[in-house]
Amino acid sequence: MLTSRFESLRASRRRALVCYVTAGHPDRARSLELLHGLADAGADVIEVGVPFSDPVADGPVIQASSQRALELGMTLDGALELVAEAKLTVPVVLFSYLNPILAAGPHVLSRARAAGVHGLLVTDLPVGEDPEREAWFGDGPLDFVRLVAPTTPTNRMAEIARHGRGFVYLISRLGVTGMRADVSASLPETMARLRAVCTLPICVGFGISGPEQAREVGKLAEGIVVGSALVQTAERSVGEALAFTRSLRAALDDLDLRHTP
């Protein structure tokens, strides 16, 4: 479903809006309300984050959302139940650290697919670190979405792209997740290096916090990923989060992509 979604976007010369939410935040009822509303607000892919007690790659906003969800009892199984109940019409990517996946048992990937998940992104499993585990993910029923950092050497970018499916998630800058006032100056060069060795769609995340940044990144990549800014607005109001999502969709749709590859 990820592949067909990006093919459809490419055919209509549109950019993907990938929206990250933490399962169970601000609470289960509002989390479900948010999931229901995101597709109507313009999300093309929804990343559902599994709350984890030690989210080392995440900044303060997503860390706080994860802690809140854990305190309210959210688990990986709870996240799958949430996805199943939402019955979403857009592709869903489960966003998790490795430990919750392993703790869920050997059938977790098939259970996730049955719940309505289409892809999996594991933040702390670099290419080549655990070939047996990577093969388990890569051969499973979910598209295994891989991460690329701005410091990744080009030959390693190529290896990551070969082992991924669905799309490649390019981290726009070093550090943890969180909102930024501008787009990294090195992003065009990083995109060019990745584009040269990757045939998968490229989506850029880490730091996108408003329509202007979405528009700037959308000129370079097949999609943008927004997380912290969306989670922060959802903390205040689901309605505000959906309005924010619509503003990002409008910014991407304003792009003139007639002369882009």
C-alpha atoms as a PDB file:
ATOM      1  CA  MET A   1       0.000   0.000   0.000  1.00  0.00           C
ATOM      2  CA  LEU A   2       2.945   2.358   0.618  1.00  0.00           C
ATOM      3  CA  THR A   3       4.263   1.728  -2.894  1.00  0.00           C
ATOM      4  CA  SER A   4       0.890   2.357  -4.526  1.00  0.00           C
ATOM      5  CA  ARG A   5       0.363   5.515  -2.478  1.00  0.00           C
ATOM      6  CA  PHE A   6       3.678   7.006  -3.607  1.00  0.00           C
ATOM      7  CA  GLU A   7       3.061   5.926  -7.208  1.00  0.00           C
ATOM      8  CA  SER A   8      -0.288   7.698  -7.135  1.00  0.00           C
ATOM      9  CA  LEU A   9       1.273  10.843  -5.669  1.00  0.00           C
ATOM     10  CA  ARG A  10       4.017  10.814  -8.264  1.00  0.00           C
ATOM     11  CA  ALA A  11       1.497  10.428 -11.097  1.00  0.00           C
ATOM     12  CA  SER A  12      -0.459  13.430  -9.844  1.00  0.00           C
ATOM     13  CA  ARG A  13       2.738  15.421  -9.097  1.00  0.00           C
ATOM     14  CA  ARG A  14       1.973  15.808  -5.425  1.00  0.00           C
ATOM     15  CA  ARG A  15       4.148  15.469  -2.346  1.00  0.00           C
ATOM     16  CA  ALA A  16       3.448  13.065   0.490  1.00  0.00           C
ATOM     17  CA  LEU A  17       2.466  14.383   3.893  1.00  0.00           C
ATOM     18  CA  VAL A  18       3.603  11.847   6.487  1.00  0.00           C
ATOM     19  CA  CYS A  19       2.173  12.546   9.951  1.00  0.00           C
ATOM     20  CA  TYR A  20       3.632  11.097  13.146  1.00  0.00           C
ATOM     21  CA  VAL A  21       1.469  10.623  16.244  1.00  0.00           C
ATOM     22  CA  THR A  22       2.225   8.889  19.530  1.00  0.00           C
ATOM     23  CA  ALA A  23      -0.250   6.076  20.199  1.00  0.00           C
ATOM     24  CA  GLY A  24      -2.359   6.888  23.249  1.00  0.00           C
ATOM     25  CA  HIS A  25      -1.485  10.584  23.398  1.00  0.00           C
ATOM     26  CA  PRO A  26      -2.933  12.846  24.726  1.00  0.00           C
ATOM     27  CA  ASP A  27      -5.155   9.941  25.806  1.00  0.00           C
ATOM     28  CA  ARG A  28      -6.663   6.968  24.021  1.00  0.00           C
ATOM     29  CA  ALA A  29      -9.932   8.635  23.027  1.00  0.00           C
ATOM     30  CA  ARG A  30      -8.252  11.725  21.579  1.00  0.00           C
ATOM     31  CA  SER A  31      -5.582   9.578  19.943  1.00  0.00           C
ATOM     32  CA  LEU A  32      -8.312   7.687  18.089  1.00  0.00           C
ATOM     33  CA  GLU A  33     -10.039  10.948  17.177  1.00  0.00           C
ATOM     34  CA  LEU A  34      -6.766  12.286  15.784  1.00  0.00           C
ATOM     35  CA  LEU A  35      -6.137   9.170  13.703  1.00  0.00           C
ATOM     36  CA  HIS A  36      -9.634   9.385  12.241  1.00  0.00           C
ATOM     37  CA  GLY A  37      -9.165  13.028  11.307  1.00  0.00           C
ATOM     38  CA  LEU A  38      -5.670  12.993   9.816  1.00  0.00           C
ATOM     39  CA  ALA A  39      -6.523  11.327   6.503  1.00  0.00           C
ATOM     40  CA  ASP A  40      -9.383  13.765   5.905  1.00  0.00           C
ATOM     41  CA  ALA A  41      -7.012  16.619   6.773  1.00  0.00           C
ATOM     42  CA  GLY A  42      -4.587  15.545   4.052  1.00  0.00           C
ATOM     43  CA  ALA A  43      -2.188  12.972   5.534  1.00  0.00           C
ATOM     44  CA  ASP A  44      -0.957  10.453   2.959  1.00  0.00           C
ATOM     45  CA  VAL A  45       0.824   8.202   5.461  1.00  0.00           C
ATOM     46  CA  ILE A  46       0.401   8.031   9.237  1.00  0.00           C
ATOM     47  CA  GLU A  47       3.263   6.963  11.474  1.00  0.00           C
ATOM     48  CA  VAL A  48       1.994   5.554  14.763  1.00  0.00           C
ATOM     49  CA  GLY A  49       4.656   5.772  17.441  1.00  0.00           C
ATOM     50  CA  VAL A  50       4.862   3.017  20.044  1.00  0.00           C
ATOM     51  CA  PRO A  51       5.527   4.645  23.446  1.00  0.00           C
ATOM     52  CA  PHE A  52       8.875   3.584  24.890  1.00  0.00           C
ATOM     53  CA  SER A  53      10.452   4.271  28.264  1.00  0.00           C
ATOM     54  CA  ASP A  54      13.834   5.324  26.862  1.00  0.00           C
ATOM     55  CA  PRO A  55      13.261   7.157  23.546  1.00  0.00           C
ATOM     56  CA  VAL A  56      16.866   8.309  23.055  1.00  0.00           C
ATOM     57  CA  ALA A  57      16.363   9.607  19.491  1.00  0.00           C
ATOM     58  CA  ASP A  58      13.388  11.765  20.432  1.00  0.00           C
ATOM     59  CA  GLY A  59      13.328  15.342  21.629  1.00  0.00           C
ATOM     60  CA  PRO A  60      11.382  16.695  24.621  1.00  0.00           C
ATOM     61  CA  VAL A  61       7.974  16.940  22.915  1.00  0.00           C
ATOM     62  CA  ILE A  62       7.803  13.333  21.766  1.00  0.00           C
ATOM     63  CA  GLN A  63       9.523  12.082  24.927  1.00  0.00           C
ATOM     64  CA  ALA A  64       6.824  13.764  27.009  1.00  0.00           C
ATOM     65  CA  SER A  65       4.051  12.348  24.813  1.00  0.00           C
ATOM     66  CA  SER A  66       5.538   8.870  25.113  1.00  0.00           C
ATOM     67  CA  GLN A  67       5.776   9.136  28.891  1.00  0.00           C
ATOM     68  CA  ARG A  68       2.189  10.356  29.124  1.00  0.00           C
ATOM     69  CA  ALA A  69       0.926   7.502  26.957  1.00  0.00           C
ATOM     70  CA  LEU A  70       2.845   4.949  29.041  1.00  0.00           C
ATOM     71  CA  GLU A  71       1.385   6.371  32.244  1.00  0.00           C
ATOM     72  CA  LEU A  72      -2.082   5.898  30.752  1.00  0.00           C
ATOM     73  CA  GLY A  73      -1.301   2.250  29.971  1.00  0.00           C
ATOM     74  CA  MET A  74      -0.500   2.350  26.245  1.00  0.00           C
ATOM     75  CA  THR A  75       1.588  -0.569  24.951  1.00  0.00           C
ATOM     76  CA  LEU A  76       2.556  -1.973  21.567  1.00  0.00           C
ATOM     77  CA  ASP A  77      -0.489  -4.261  21.670  1.00  0.00           C
ATOM     78  CA  GLY A  78      -2.576  -1.260  22.624  1.00  0.00           C
ATOM     79  CA  ALA A  79      -1.202   0.650  19.644  1.00  0.00           C
ATOM     80  CA  LEU A  80      -2.192  -2.211  17.321  1.00  0.00           C
ATOM     81  CA  GLU A  81      -5.668  -2.248  18.831  1.00  0.00           C
ATOM     82  CA  LEU A  82      -5.895   1.500  18.224  1.00  0.00           C
ATOM     83  CA  VAL A  83      -4.927   1.091  14.550  1.00  0.00           C
ATOM     84  CA  ALA A  84      -7.398  -1.766  14.108  1.00  0.00           C
ATOM     85  CA  GLU A  85     -10.195   0.283  15.659  1.00  0.00           C
ATOM     86  CA  ALA A  86      -9.376   3.340  13.520  1.00  0.00           C
ATOM     87  CA  LYS A  87      -9.766   1.377  10.247  1.00  0.00           C
ATOM     88  CA  LEU A  88      -7.636   3.912   8.395  1.00  0.00           C
ATOM     89  CA  THR A  89      -7.823   4.369   4.633  1.00  0.00           C
ATOM     90  CA  VAL A  90      -4.208   5.579   4.307  1.00  0.00           C
ATOM     91  CA  PRO A  91      -1.035   3.526   4.851  1.00  0.00           C
ATOM     92  CA  VAL A  92       0.103   3.147   8.459  1.00  0.00           C
ATOM     93  CA  VAL A  93       3.741   2.801   9.515  1.00  0.00           C
ATOM     94  CA  LEU A  94       4.477   1.489  12.988  1.00  0.00           C
ATOM     95  CA  PHE A  95       7.293   3.618  14.447  1.00  0.00           C
ATOM     96  CA  SER A  96       9.140   1.867  17.261  1.00  0.00           C
ATOM     97  CA  TYR A  97      12.356   1.158  19.060  1.00  0.00           C
ATOM     98  CA  LEU A  98      13.592  -2.420  18.841  1.00  0.00           C
ATOM     99  CA  ASN A  99      12.843  -3.565  22.401  1.00  0.00           C
ATOM    100  CA  PRO A 100       9.027  -3.314  22.236  1.00  0.00           C
ATOM    101  CA  ILE A 101       9.017  -5.251  18.959  1.00  0.00           C
ATOM    102  CA  LEU A 102      11.145  -8.065  20.353  1.00  0.00           C
ATOM    103  CA  ALA A 103       9.161  -8.199  23.596  1.00  0.00           C
ATOM    104  CA  ALA A 104       5.926  -8.638  21.619  1.00  0.00           C
ATOM    105  CA  GLY A 105       6.961 -12.078  20.379  1.00  0.00           C
ATOM    106  CA  PRO A 106       7.732 -13.813  17.068  1.00  0.00           C
ATOM    107  CA  HIS A 107       4.301 -13.214  15.514  1.00  0.00           C
ATOM    108  CA  VAL A 108       4.198  -9.463  16.124  1.00  0.00           C
ATOM    109  CA  LEU A 109       4.723  -8.553  12.457  1.00  0.00           C
ATOM    110  CA  SER A 110       1.805 -10.658  11.253  1.00  0.00           C
ATOM    111  CA  ARG A 111      -0.352  -9.339  14.092  1.00  0.00           C
ATOM    112  CA  ALA A 112       0.524  -5.803  13.079  1.00  0.00           C
ATOM    113  CA  ARG A 113      -0.399  -6.478   9.465  1.00  0.00           C
ATOM    114  CA  ALA A 114      -3.717  -7.985  10.532  1.00  0.00           C
ATOM    115  CA  ALA A 115      -4.411  -4.837  12.564  1.00  0.00           C
ATOM    116  CA  GLY A 116      -3.975  -2.629   9.497  1.00  0.00           C
ATOM    117  CA  VAL A 117      -0.289  -1.692   9.641  1.00  0.00           C
ATOM    118  CA  HIS A 118       1.572  -1.550   6.304  1.00  0.00           C
ATOM    119  CA  GLY A 119       5.112  -0.538   7.235  1.00  0.00           C
ATOM    120  CA  LEU A 120       7.603  -0.676  10.084  1.00  0.00           C
ATOM    121  CA  LEU A 121      10.323   1.772  11.072  1.00  0.00           C
ATOM    122  CA  VAL A 122      12.752   0.730  13.823  1.00  0.00           C
ATOM    123  CA  THR A 123      14.816   3.665  15.011  1.00  0.00           C
ATOM    124  CA  ASP A 124      17.689   1.792  16.640  1.00  0.00           C
ATOM    125  CA  LEU A 125      18.575  -0.981  14.187  1.00  0.00           C
ATOM    126  CA  PRO A 126      21.285   0.309  11.817  1.00  0.00           C
ATOM    127  CA  VAL A 127      21.917  -1.595   8.587  1.00  0.00           C
ATOM    128  CA  GLY A 128      24.388  -4.406   9.146  1.00  0.00           C
ATOM    129  CA  GLU A 129      24.197  -4.424  12.936  1.00  0.00           C
ATOM    130  CA  ASP A 130      22.016  -7.545  13.240  1.00  0.00           C
ATOM    131  CA  PRO A 131      21.616  -9.267   9.829  1.00  0.00           C
ATOM    132  CA  GLU A 132      19.391 -12.027  11.200  1.00  0.00           C
ATOM    133  CA  ARG A 133      16.985  -9.561  12.776  1.00  0.00           C
ATOM    134  CA  GLU A 134      17.059  -7.335   9.696  1.00  0.00           C
ATOM    135  CA  ALA A 135      16.204 -10.331   7.516  1.00  0.00           C
ATOM    136  CA  TRP A 136      13.241 -11.090   9.788  1.00  0.00           C
ATOM    137  CA  PHE A 137      11.940  -7.562   9.267  1.00  0.00           C
ATOM    138  CA  GLY A 138      12.861  -7.415   5.589  1.00  0.00           C
ATOM    139  CA  ASP A 139      11.184 -10.723   4.729  1.00  0.00           C
ATOM    140  CA  GLY A 140       8.098  -9.990   6.813  1.00  0.00           C
ATOM    141  CA  PRO A 141       4.646  -8.760   5.783  1.00  0.00           C
ATOM    142  CA  LEU A 142       5.430  -5.079   6.451  1.00  0.00           C
ATOM    143  CA  ASP A 143       7.447  -2.655   4.338  1.00  0.00           C
ATOM    144  CA  PHE A 144      10.693  -2.113   6.264  1.00  0.00           C
ATOM    145  CA  VAL A 145      11.311   1.638   6.137  1.00  0.00           C
ATOM    146  CA  ARG A 146      14.941   2.620   6.739  1.00  0.00           C
ATOM    147  CA  LEU A 147      16.526   5.764   8.164  1.00  0.00           C
ATOM    148  CA  VAL A 148      19.367   7.769   6.599  1.00  0.00           C
ATOM    149  CA  ALA A 149      21.279  10.471   8.505  1.00  0.00           C
ATOM    150  CA  PRO A 150      22.955  13.533   6.973  1.00  0.00           C
ATOM    151  CA  THR A 151      26.349  12.122   7.996  1.00  0.00           C
ATOM    152  CA  THR A 152      25.759   8.764   6.298  1.00  0.00           C
ATOM    153  CA  PRO A 153      28.475   8.035   3.672  1.00  0.00           C
ATOM    154  CA  THR A 154      27.121   7.648   0.140  1.00  0.00           C
ATOM    155  CA  ASN A 155      28.105   3.973  -0.155  1.00  0.00           C
ATOM    156  CA  ARG A 156      26.201   3.239   3.040  1.00  0.00           C
ATOM    157  CA  MET A 157      23.211   5.208   1.748  1.00  0.00           C
ATOM    158  CA  ALA A 158      23.134   2.820  -1.192  1.00  0.00           C
ATOM    159  CA  GLU A 159      23.204  -0.195   1.130  1.00  0.00           C
ATOM    160  CA  ILE A 160      20.382   1.225   3.255  1.00  0.00           C
ATOM    161  CA  ALA A 161      18.270   1.921   0.160  1.00  0.00           C
ATOM    162  CA  ARG A 162      18.790  -1.662  -1.084  1.00  0.00           C
ATOM    163  CA  HIS A 163      17.515  -3.058   2.216  1.00  0.00           C
ATOM    164  CA  GLY A 164      14.468  -0.806   2.519  1.00  0.00           C
ATOM    165  CA  ARG A 165      10.922  -0.851   1.191  1.00  0.00           C
ATOM    166  CA  GLY A 166       8.143   1.704   0.914  1.00  0.00           C
ATOM    167  CA  PHE A 167      10.241   4.850   1.253  1.00  0.00           C
ATOM    168  CA  VAL A 168      13.461   6.075   2.837  1.00  0.00           C
ATOM    169  CA  TYR A 169      13.225   8.401   5.831  1.00  0.00           C
ATOM    170  CA  LEU A 170      15.970  11.025   5.562  1.00  0.00           C
ATOM    171  CA  ILE A 171      16.799  12.774   8.830  1.00  0.00           C
ATOM    172  CA  SER A 172      17.285  16.427   7.914  1.00  0.00           C
ATOM    173  CA  ARG A 173      19.762  17.283  10.649  1.00  0.00           C
ATOM    174  CA  LEU A 174      21.794  15.818  13.495  1.00  0.00           C
ATOM    175  CA  GLY A 175      20.340  15.557  16.980  1.00  0.00           C
ATOM    176  CA  VAL A 176      16.986  14.451  18.317  1.00  0.00           C
ATOM    177  CA  THR A 177      13.500  15.093  16.991  1.00  0.00           C
ATOM    178  CA  GLY A 178      12.029  18.526  17.568  1.00  0.00           C
ATOM    179  CA  MET A 179      10.873  21.710  15.906  1.00  0.00           C
ATOM    180  CA  ARG A 180      13.354  24.034  14.197  1.00  0.00           C
ATOM    181  CA  ALA A 181      13.085  27.557  12.825  1.00  0.00           C
ATOM    182  CA  ASP A 182      14.702  26.744   9.484  1.00  0.00           C
ATOM    183  CA  VAL A 183      15.680  23.954   7.121  1.00  0.00           C
ATOM    184  CA  SER A 184      19.224  22.605   7.337  1.00  0.00           C
ATOM    185  CA  ALA A 185      21.526  24.299   4.827  1.00  0.00           C
ATOM    186  CA  SER A 186      23.121  20.939   4.043  1.00  0.00           C
ATOM    187  CA  LEU A 187      19.830  19.272   3.055  1.00  0.00           C
ATOM    188  CA  PRO A 188      20.107  19.851  -0.738  1.00  0.00           C
ATOM    189  CA  GLU A 189      23.573  18.263  -0.829  1.00  0.00           C
ATOM    190  CA  THR A 190      22.444  15.321   1.317  1.00  0.00           C
ATOM    191  CA  MET A 191      19.380  14.842  -0.878  1.00  0.00           C
ATOM    192  CA  ALA A 192      21.534  14.854  -4.014  1.00  0.00           C
ATOM    193  CA  ARG A 193      23.824  12.159  -2.622  1.00  0.00           C
ATOM    194  CA  LEU A 194      20.907   9.972  -1.549  1.00  0.00           C
ATOM    195  CA  ARG A 195      19.006  10.511  -4.795  1.00  0.00           C
ATOM    196  CA  ALA A 196      22.020   9.294  -6.774  1.00  0.00           C
ATOM    197  CA  VAL A 197      21.959   5.862  -5.114  1.00  0.00           C
ATOM    198  CA  CYS A 198      18.281   5.388  -4.182  1.00  0.00           C
ATOM    199  CA  THR A 199      15.229   4.561  -6.303  1.00  0.00           C
ATOM    200  CA  LEU A 200      12.773   4.597  -3.400  1.00  0.00           C
ATOM    201  CA  PRO A 201      10.748   7.716  -2.562  1.00  0.00           C
ATOM    202  CA  ILE A 202      12.541   9.959  -0.052  1.00  0.00           C
ATOM    203  CA  CYS A 203      10.708  11.604   2.825  1.00  0.00           C
ATOM    204  CA  VAL A 204      12.444  14.173   5.027  1.00  0.00           C
ATOM    205  CA  GLY A 205      11.758  14.650   8.716  1.00  0.00           C
ATOM    206  CA  PHE A 206      13.198  16.058  11.980  1.00  0.00           C
ATOM    207  CA  GLY A 207      12.447  19.730  12.485  1.00  0.00           C
ATOM    208  CA  ILE A 208       9.583  20.589  10.121  1.00  0.00           C
ATOM    209  CA  SER A 209       7.315  22.846  12.132  1.00  0.00           C
ATOM    210  CA  GLY A 210       5.239  24.894   9.686  1.00  0.00           C
ATOM    211  CA  PRO A 211       3.946  25.384   6.138  1.00  0.00           C
ATOM    212  CA  GLU A 212       6.946  27.378   4.897  1.00  0.00           C
ATOM    213  CA  GLN A 213       9.401  24.644   5.868  1.00  0.00           C
ATOM    214  CA  ALA A 214       7.062  22.037   4.392  1.00  0.00           C
ATOM    215  CA  ARG A 215       7.066  23.937   1.110  1.00  0.00           C
ATOM    216  CA  GLU A 216      10.860  24.304   1.105  1.00  0.00           C
ATOM    217  CA  VAL A 217      11.491  20.618   1.779  1.00  0.00           C
ATOM    218  CA  GLY A 218       8.743  19.591  -0.636  1.00  0.00           C
ATOM    219  CA  LYS A 219      10.739  21.142  -3.474  1.00  0.00           C
ATOM    220  CA  LEU A 220      13.465  18.547  -2.849  1.00  0.00           C
ATOM    221  CA  ALA A 221      11.832  15.366  -1.535  1.00  0.00           C
ATOM    222  CA  GLU A 222       8.888  13.136  -2.413  1.00  0.00           C
ATOM    223  CA  GLY A 223       7.453  13.790   1.026  1.00  0.00           C
ATOM    224  CA  ILE A 224       7.815  15.475   4.385  1.00  0.00           C
ATOM    225  CA  VAL A 225       7.451  13.980   7.860  1.00  0.00           C
ATOM    226  CA  VAL A 226       6.015  16.108  10.653  1.00  0.00           C
ATOM    227  CA  GLY A 227       6.108  14.849  14.228  1.00  0.00           C
ATOM    228  CA  SER A 228       6.899  17.115  17.162  1.00  0.00           C
ATOM    229  CA  ALA A 229       4.886  20.078  15.892  1.00  0.00           C
ATOM    230  CA  LEU A 230       1.844  17.863  15.329  1.00  0.00           C
ATOM    231  CA  VAL A 231       2.195  16.136  18.707  1.00  0.00           C
ATOM    232  CA  GLN A 232       2.502  19.506  20.430  1.00  0.00           C
ATOM    233  CA  THR A 233      -0.637  20.890  18.806  1.00  0.00           C
ATOM    234  CA  ALA A 234      -2.537  17.669  19.587  1.00  0.00           C
ATOM    235  CA  GLU A 235      -1.648  18.174  23.250  1.00  0.00           C
ATOM    236  CA  ARG A 236      -3.624  21.418  23.134  1.00  0.00           C
ATOM    237  CA  SER A 237      -6.468  20.328  20.859  1.00  0.00           C
ATOM    238  CA  VAL A 238      -7.230  17.669  18.252  1.00  0.00           C
ATOM    239  CA  GLY A 239      -8.986  20.338  16.217  1.00  0.00           C
ATOM    240  CA  GLU A 240      -5.869  22.489  16.257  1.00  0.00           C
ATOM    241  CA  ALA A 241      -3.743  19.519  15.187  1.00  0.00           C
ATOM    242  CA  LEU A 242      -6.028  18.829  12.232  1.00  0.00           C
ATOM    243  CA  ALA A 243      -6.041  22.495  11.220  1.00  0.00           C
ATOM    244  CA  PHE A 244      -2.243  22.434  11.344  1.00  0.00           C
ATOM    245  CA  THR A 245      -2.244  19.322   9.152  1.00  0.00           C
ATOM    246  CA  ARG A 246      -4.476  21.040   6.602  1.00  0.00           C
ATOM    247  CA  SER A 247      -2.084  24.001   6.490  1.00  0.00           C
ATOM    248  CA  LEU A 248       0.811  21.661   5.650  1.00  0.00           C
ATOM    249  CA  ARG A 249      -1.260  19.939   2.972  1.00  0.00           C
ATOM    250  CA  ALA A 250      -2.115  23.277   1.414  1.00  0.00           C
ATOM    251  CA  ALA A 251       1.539  24.342   1.436  1.00  0.00           C
ATOM    252  CA  LEU A 252       2.605  21.164  -0.362  1.00  0.00           C
ATOM    253  CA  ASP A 253      -0.202  21.433  -2.874  1.00  0.00           C
ATOM    254  CA  ASP A 254       0.851  24.990  -3.699  1.00  0.00           C
ATOM    255  CA  LEU A 255       4.151  23.711  -5.098  1.00  0.00           C
ATOM    256  CA  ASP A 256       4.670  23.839  -8.852  1.00  0.00           C
ATOM    257  CA  LEU A 257       6.231  20.431  -9.576  1.00  0.00           C
ATOM    258  CA  ARG A 258       5.843  20.432 -13.350  1.00  0.00           C
ATOM    259  CA  HIS A 259       9.588  20.549 -13.916  1.00  0.00           C
ATOM    260  CA  THR A 260      10.688  18.196 -11.158  1.00  0.00           C
ATOM    261  CA  PRO A 261      11.867  14.630 -11.826  1.00  0.00           C
END
